[in-house]
Amino acid sequence: RHYQQLDRGYYVHNLEHGGVALLYNCPAGCPDVIAALEDVTRNASVDSTCTAPVRNRIIVAADPLMPPEIQVAAVAWGQVYTATCFDPYVATFVRTRYRHGTEDLCADGNPMSG
């Protein structure tokens, strides 16, 4: 799922459950970066522990609180990868860090308005 704005507590809770947050910081806009992050999410495997409509625990969200020199971050429980632009390594990060939170849990949960 993609969120224009999402309080950090929501995606940190997702990390705790083994999810990954793909974050971007683009004050002037960066539709190509957002599209690339959404592609990573779309191309990630379906998580068999999730129930519809949830496909997996990967979130794409804007994070204007990231340092200005960081445009992209991939965050999992206890792991952070940052870059000044989109890097295809993000897909590898997702693949290797997914489901490594303190609670391996996926459910529809509560709606997040962000």
N, C-alpha and C. Protein backbone atom coordinates (compact mmCIF):
# COMPACT_ATOMS: atom_id res chain seq x y z
N ARG A 1 0.83 -1.18 0.00
CA ARG A 1 0.00 0.00 0.00
C ARG A 1 0.87 1.24 0.00
N HIS A 2 0.38 2.28 -0.62
CA HIS A 2 1.10 3.55 -0.70
C HIS A 2 0.33 4.60 0.10
N TYR A 3 1.06 5.30 0.94
CA TYR A 3 0.49 6.35 1.76
C TYR A 3 1.23 7.65 1.50
N GLN A 4 0.48 8.71 1.20
CA GLN A 4 1.08 10.03 1.00
C GLN A 4 1.67 10.53 2.32
N GLN A 5 0.99 10.23 3.40
CA GLN A 5 1.45 10.64 4.72
C GLN A 5 1.04 9.55 5.71
N LEU A 6 1.97 9.13 6.52
CA LEU A 6 1.70 8.07 7.48
C LEU A 6 2.57 8.31 8.70
N ASP A 7 1.96 8.41 9.85
CA ASP A 7 2.73 8.59 11.08
C ASP A 7 3.71 7.43 11.23
N ARG A 8 4.91 7.74 11.68
CA ARG A 8 5.96 6.72 11.81
C ARG A 8 5.53 5.54 12.68
N GLY A 9 4.75 5.76 13.68
CA GLY A 9 4.31 4.67 14.56
C GLY A 9 3.60 3.56 13.80
N TYR A 10 2.86 3.91 12.75
CA TYR A 10 2.16 2.88 11.97
C TYR A 10 3.14 1.98 11.23
N TYR A 11 4.12 2.59 10.56
CA TYR A 11 5.02 1.70 9.82
C TYR A 11 6.02 1.00 10.74
N VAL A 12 6.34 1.57 11.88
CA VAL A 12 7.19 0.87 12.85
C VAL A 12 6.46 -0.37 13.37
N HIS A 13 5.16 -0.25 13.60
CA HIS A 13 4.39 -1.42 14.02
C HIS A 13 4.40 -2.49 12.94
N ASN A 14 4.32 -2.08 11.68
CA ASN A 14 4.42 -3.02 10.56
C ASN A 14 5.78 -3.73 10.58
N LEU A 15 6.85 -3.00 10.88
CA LEU A 15 8.20 -3.59 10.95
C LEU A 15 8.26 -4.64 12.05
N GLU A 16 7.65 -4.33 13.18
CA GLU A 16 7.63 -5.26 14.31
C GLU A 16 6.98 -6.59 13.90
N HIS A 17 6.02 -6.50 12.99
CA HIS A 17 5.32 -7.70 12.52
C HIS A 17 6.00 -8.36 11.33
N GLY A 18 7.22 -7.94 11.03
CA GLY A 18 7.98 -8.55 9.94
C GLY A 18 7.84 -7.87 8.61
N GLY A 19 7.18 -6.73 8.57
CA GLY A 19 7.01 -5.98 7.33
C GLY A 19 8.21 -5.13 6.99
N VAL A 20 8.14 -4.48 5.85
CA VAL A 20 9.18 -3.58 5.38
C VAL A 20 8.53 -2.27 4.95
N ALA A 21 9.15 -1.16 5.29
CA ALA A 21 8.68 0.16 4.85
C ALA A 21 9.65 0.69 3.80
N LEU A 22 9.10 1.10 2.67
CA LEU A 22 9.88 1.74 1.62
C LEU A 22 9.49 3.21 1.65
N LEU A 23 10.42 4.04 2.06
CA LEU A 23 10.14 5.44 2.34
C LEU A 23 10.81 6.34 1.31
N TYR A 24 10.20 7.48 1.07
CA TYR A 24 10.80 8.46 0.16
C TYR A 24 10.62 9.85 0.73
N ASN A 25 11.54 10.74 0.36
CA ASN A 25 11.52 12.13 0.78
C ASN A 25 11.80 12.98 -0.45
N CYS A 26 10.73 13.52 -1.02
CA CYS A 26 10.84 14.27 -2.27
C CYS A 26 10.00 15.54 -2.19
N PRO A 27 10.50 16.59 -1.56
CA PRO A 27 9.71 17.81 -1.42
C PRO A 27 9.25 18.39 -2.76
N ALA A 28 10.05 18.23 -3.81
CA ALA A 28 9.68 18.77 -5.12
C ALA A 28 8.94 17.74 -5.98
N GLY A 29 8.68 16.56 -5.42
CA GLY A 29 8.01 15.50 -6.16
C GLY A 29 9.01 14.59 -6.84
N CYS A 30 8.66 13.32 -6.95
CA CYS A 30 9.52 12.33 -7.61
C CYS A 30 8.67 11.14 -8.06
N PRO A 31 7.79 11.34 -9.02
CA PRO A 31 6.90 10.26 -9.43
C PRO A 31 7.63 9.01 -9.92
N ASP A 32 8.82 9.18 -10.50
CA ASP A 32 9.59 8.02 -10.96
C ASP A 32 10.08 7.17 -9.79
N VAL A 33 10.50 7.81 -8.71
CA VAL A 33 10.96 7.09 -7.52
C VAL A 33 9.79 6.36 -6.87
N ILE A 34 8.66 7.05 -6.75
CA ILE A 34 7.48 6.43 -6.14
C ILE A 34 7.04 5.23 -6.98
N ALA A 35 7.03 5.38 -8.29
CA ALA A 35 6.64 4.27 -9.18
C ALA A 35 7.60 3.09 -9.01
N ALA A 36 8.90 3.36 -8.88
CA ALA A 36 9.87 2.28 -8.70
C ALA A 36 9.65 1.55 -7.38
N LEU A 37 9.37 2.30 -6.31
CA LEU A 37 9.08 1.68 -5.01
C LEU A 37 7.80 0.86 -5.07
N GLU A 38 6.78 1.39 -5.73
CA GLU A 38 5.53 0.63 -5.89
C GLU A 38 5.76 -0.64 -6.71
N ASP A 39 6.63 -0.57 -7.71
CA ASP A 39 6.96 -1.77 -8.50
C ASP A 39 7.62 -2.84 -7.63
N VAL A 40 8.50 -2.42 -6.72
CA VAL A 40 9.12 -3.38 -5.80
C VAL A 40 8.04 -4.08 -4.99
N THR A 41 7.08 -3.32 -4.51
CA THR A 41 5.99 -3.89 -3.73
C THR A 41 5.14 -4.84 -4.58
N ARG A 42 4.79 -4.39 -5.78
CA ARG A 42 3.97 -5.21 -6.68
C ARG A 42 4.66 -6.51 -7.07
N ASN A 43 5.99 -6.46 -7.24
CA ASN A 43 6.74 -7.63 -7.68
C ASN A 43 7.16 -8.54 -6.53
N ALA A 44 6.93 -8.12 -5.30
CA ALA A 44 7.27 -8.96 -4.15
C ALA A 44 6.29 -10.13 -4.06
N SER A 45 6.75 -11.20 -3.49
CA SER A 45 5.90 -12.39 -3.35
C SER A 45 4.68 -12.11 -2.49
N VAL A 46 3.62 -12.83 -2.79
CA VAL A 46 2.42 -12.78 -1.95
C VAL A 46 2.75 -13.53 -0.67
N ASP A 47 2.36 -12.96 0.45
CA ASP A 47 2.60 -13.57 1.76
C ASP A 47 1.42 -14.47 2.11
N SER A 48 1.65 -15.76 2.17
CA SER A 48 0.57 -16.73 2.43
C SER A 48 -0.02 -16.59 3.84
N THR A 49 0.66 -15.88 4.74
CA THR A 49 0.11 -15.69 6.08
C THR A 49 -0.85 -14.51 6.16
N CYS A 50 -0.91 -13.71 5.11
CA CYS A 50 -1.82 -12.56 5.08
C CYS A 50 -3.19 -12.99 4.60
N THR A 51 -4.20 -12.24 5.00
CA THR A 51 -5.56 -12.49 4.54
C THR A 51 -6.01 -11.33 3.66
N ALA A 52 -6.79 -11.63 2.65
CA ALA A 52 -7.28 -10.60 1.73
C ALA A 52 -8.01 -9.51 2.50
N PRO A 53 -7.85 -8.29 2.14
CA PRO A 53 -7.20 -7.79 0.93
C PRO A 53 -5.70 -7.55 1.06
N VAL A 54 -5.10 -7.87 2.19
CA VAL A 54 -3.67 -7.64 2.38
C VAL A 54 -2.88 -8.67 1.58
N ARG A 55 -1.97 -8.20 0.73
CA ARG A 55 -1.16 -9.06 -0.12
C ARG A 55 0.18 -9.39 0.54
N ASN A 56 0.74 -8.41 1.22
CA ASN A 56 1.99 -8.57 1.97
C ASN A 56 2.12 -7.40 2.93
N ARG A 57 3.22 -7.37 3.66
CA ARG A 57 3.42 -6.34 4.70
C ARG A 57 4.44 -5.30 4.25
N ILE A 58 4.35 -4.88 3.02
CA ILE A 58 5.27 -3.87 2.48
C ILE A 58 4.49 -2.57 2.29
N ILE A 59 5.01 -1.51 2.87
CA ILE A 59 4.37 -0.20 2.82
C ILE A 59 5.27 0.76 2.08
N VAL A 60 4.70 1.55 1.19
CA VAL A 60 5.39 2.67 0.56
C VAL A 60 4.79 3.94 1.16
N ALA A 61 5.65 4.82 1.66
CA ALA A 61 5.14 6.03 2.31
C ALA A 61 6.13 7.18 2.19
N ALA A 62 5.58 8.37 2.12
CA ALA A 62 6.41 9.58 2.19
C ALA A 62 6.87 9.75 3.63
N ASP A 63 8.11 10.18 3.80
CA ASP A 63 8.62 10.49 5.14
C ASP A 63 9.42 11.79 5.06
N PRO A 64 8.76 12.92 5.23
CA PRO A 64 9.44 14.21 5.14
C PRO A 64 10.40 14.47 6.29
N LEU A 65 10.43 13.60 7.30
CA LEU A 65 11.34 13.78 8.42
C LEU A 65 12.72 13.16 8.17
N MET A 66 12.88 12.47 7.04
CA MET A 66 14.20 11.92 6.72
C MET A 66 15.16 13.08 6.44
N PRO A 67 16.46 12.87 6.67
CA PRO A 67 17.42 13.92 6.35
C PRO A 67 17.30 14.34 4.88
N PRO A 68 17.53 15.61 4.57
CA PRO A 68 17.32 16.10 3.20
C PRO A 68 18.19 15.41 2.14
N GLU A 69 19.34 14.88 2.54
CA GLU A 69 20.21 14.20 1.57
C GLU A 69 19.76 12.78 1.26
N ILE A 70 18.79 12.26 2.01
CA ILE A 70 18.28 10.91 1.80
C ILE A 70 16.95 11.01 1.05
N GLN A 71 16.88 10.38 -0.13
CA GLN A 71 15.64 10.38 -0.89
C GLN A 71 14.85 9.09 -0.69
N VAL A 72 15.57 7.98 -0.47
CA VAL A 72 14.93 6.67 -0.37
C VAL A 72 15.49 5.93 0.84
N ALA A 73 14.60 5.24 1.55
CA ALA A 73 15.03 4.37 2.64
C ALA A 73 14.19 3.10 2.60
N ALA A 74 14.83 2.00 2.86
CA ALA A 74 14.14 0.72 3.06
C ALA A 74 14.41 0.34 4.50
N VAL A 75 13.35 0.07 5.25
CA VAL A 75 13.48 -0.16 6.69
C VAL A 75 12.77 -1.47 7.06
N ALA A 76 13.49 -2.32 7.77
CA ALA A 76 12.93 -3.54 8.34
C ALA A 76 13.31 -3.54 9.81
N TRP A 77 12.78 -4.48 10.58
CA TRP A 77 13.08 -4.51 12.02
C TRP A 77 14.58 -4.64 12.23
N GLY A 78 15.19 -3.61 12.81
CA GLY A 78 16.62 -3.63 13.12
C GLY A 78 17.54 -3.38 11.94
N GLN A 79 17.01 -3.04 10.77
CA GLN A 79 17.82 -2.85 9.56
C GLN A 79 17.34 -1.62 8.80
N VAL A 80 18.28 -0.82 8.31
CA VAL A 80 17.94 0.36 7.51
C VAL A 80 18.90 0.45 6.34
N TYR A 81 18.35 0.74 5.17
CA TYR A 81 19.16 1.01 3.98
C TYR A 81 18.72 2.38 3.46
N THR A 82 19.66 3.28 3.23
CA THR A 82 19.32 4.60 2.71
C THR A 82 20.10 4.87 1.43
N ALA A 83 19.52 5.74 0.61
CA ALA A 83 20.17 6.09 -0.66
C ALA A 83 19.75 7.50 -1.07
N THR A 84 20.56 8.12 -1.91
CA THR A 84 20.25 9.46 -2.40
C THR A 84 19.30 9.42 -3.59
N CYS A 85 19.03 8.23 -4.12
CA CYS A 85 18.09 8.03 -5.22
C CYS A 85 17.62 6.57 -5.19
N PHE A 86 16.66 6.23 -6.03
CA PHE A 86 16.21 4.85 -6.05
C PHE A 86 17.35 3.94 -6.50
N ASP A 87 17.49 2.82 -5.81
CA ASP A 87 18.50 1.81 -6.12
C ASP A 87 17.79 0.47 -6.21
N PRO A 88 17.98 -0.29 -7.29
CA PRO A 88 17.32 -1.59 -7.41
C PRO A 88 17.62 -2.54 -6.25
N TYR A 89 18.68 -2.27 -5.47
CA TYR A 89 18.99 -3.09 -4.30
C TYR A 89 17.81 -3.15 -3.33
N VAL A 90 16.93 -2.16 -3.38
CA VAL A 90 15.77 -2.13 -2.49
C VAL A 90 14.99 -3.45 -2.59
N ALA A 91 14.85 -4.00 -3.78
CA ALA A 91 14.12 -5.27 -3.95
C ALA A 91 14.83 -6.40 -3.22
N THR A 92 16.15 -6.42 -3.26
CA THR A 92 16.93 -7.43 -2.53
C THR A 92 16.75 -7.25 -1.03
N PHE A 93 16.78 -6.01 -0.58
CA PHE A 93 16.57 -5.70 0.84
C PHE A 93 15.22 -6.28 1.29
N VAL A 94 14.18 -6.02 0.51
CA VAL A 94 12.84 -6.53 0.86
C VAL A 94 12.86 -8.05 0.93
N ARG A 95 13.42 -8.68 -0.07
CA ARG A 95 13.43 -10.15 -0.14
C ARG A 95 14.19 -10.77 1.04
N THR A 96 15.28 -10.15 1.46
CA THR A 96 16.12 -10.75 2.51
C THR A 96 15.72 -10.32 3.92
N ARG A 97 14.98 -9.24 4.06
CA ARG A 97 14.63 -8.73 5.40
C ARG A 97 13.16 -8.95 5.77
N TYR A 98 12.35 -9.37 4.83
CA TYR A 98 10.92 -9.55 5.07
C TYR A 98 10.70 -10.71 6.04
N ARG A 99 9.75 -10.56 6.94
CA ARG A 99 9.36 -11.56 7.96
C ARG A 99 10.45 -11.79 9.00
N HIS A 100 11.21 -10.75 9.32
CA HIS A 100 12.25 -10.86 10.35
C HIS A 100 11.98 -9.92 11.52
N GLY A 101 10.72 -9.63 11.80
CA GLY A 101 10.37 -8.79 12.95
C GLY A 101 10.29 -9.62 14.21
N THR A 102 9.90 -8.97 15.28
CA THR A 102 9.77 -9.68 16.56
C THR A 102 8.53 -10.54 16.62
N GLU A 103 7.53 -10.22 15.78
CA GLU A 103 6.29 -11.00 15.69
C GLU A 103 6.00 -11.23 14.22
N ASP A 104 6.01 -12.47 13.77
CA ASP A 104 5.71 -12.79 12.38
C ASP A 104 4.20 -12.91 12.26
N LEU A 105 3.55 -11.80 11.93
CA LEU A 105 2.11 -11.71 12.01
C LEU A 105 1.58 -10.87 10.86
N CYS A 106 0.56 -11.36 10.18
CA CYS A 106 -0.08 -10.59 9.12
C CYS A 106 -1.58 -10.78 9.22
N ALA A 107 -2.29 -9.68 9.21
CA ALA A 107 -3.75 -9.70 9.23
C ALA A 107 -4.24 -8.40 8.64
N ASP A 108 -5.52 -8.31 8.38
CA ASP A 108 -6.10 -7.09 7.81
C ASP A 108 -5.93 -5.92 8.77
N GLY A 109 -6.06 -6.14 10.06
CA GLY A 109 -5.84 -5.10 11.05
C GLY A 109 -6.83 -3.96 10.96
N ASN A 110 -6.46 -2.82 11.53
CA ASN A 110 -7.30 -1.65 11.53
C ASN A 110 -6.94 -0.73 10.37
N PRO A 111 -7.91 -0.04 9.81
CA PRO A 111 -7.60 0.89 8.71
C PRO A 111 -6.65 1.97 9.19
N MET A 112 -5.73 2.37 8.32
CA MET A 112 -4.78 3.43 8.63
C MET A 112 -5.10 4.62 7.73
N SER A 113 -5.53 5.69 8.30
CA SER A 113 -5.86 6.86 7.49
C SER A 113 -4.63 7.69 7.19
N GLY A 114 -3.61 7.60 8.04
CA GLY A 114 -2.34 8.28 7.81
C GLY A 114 -2.40 9.76 7.83
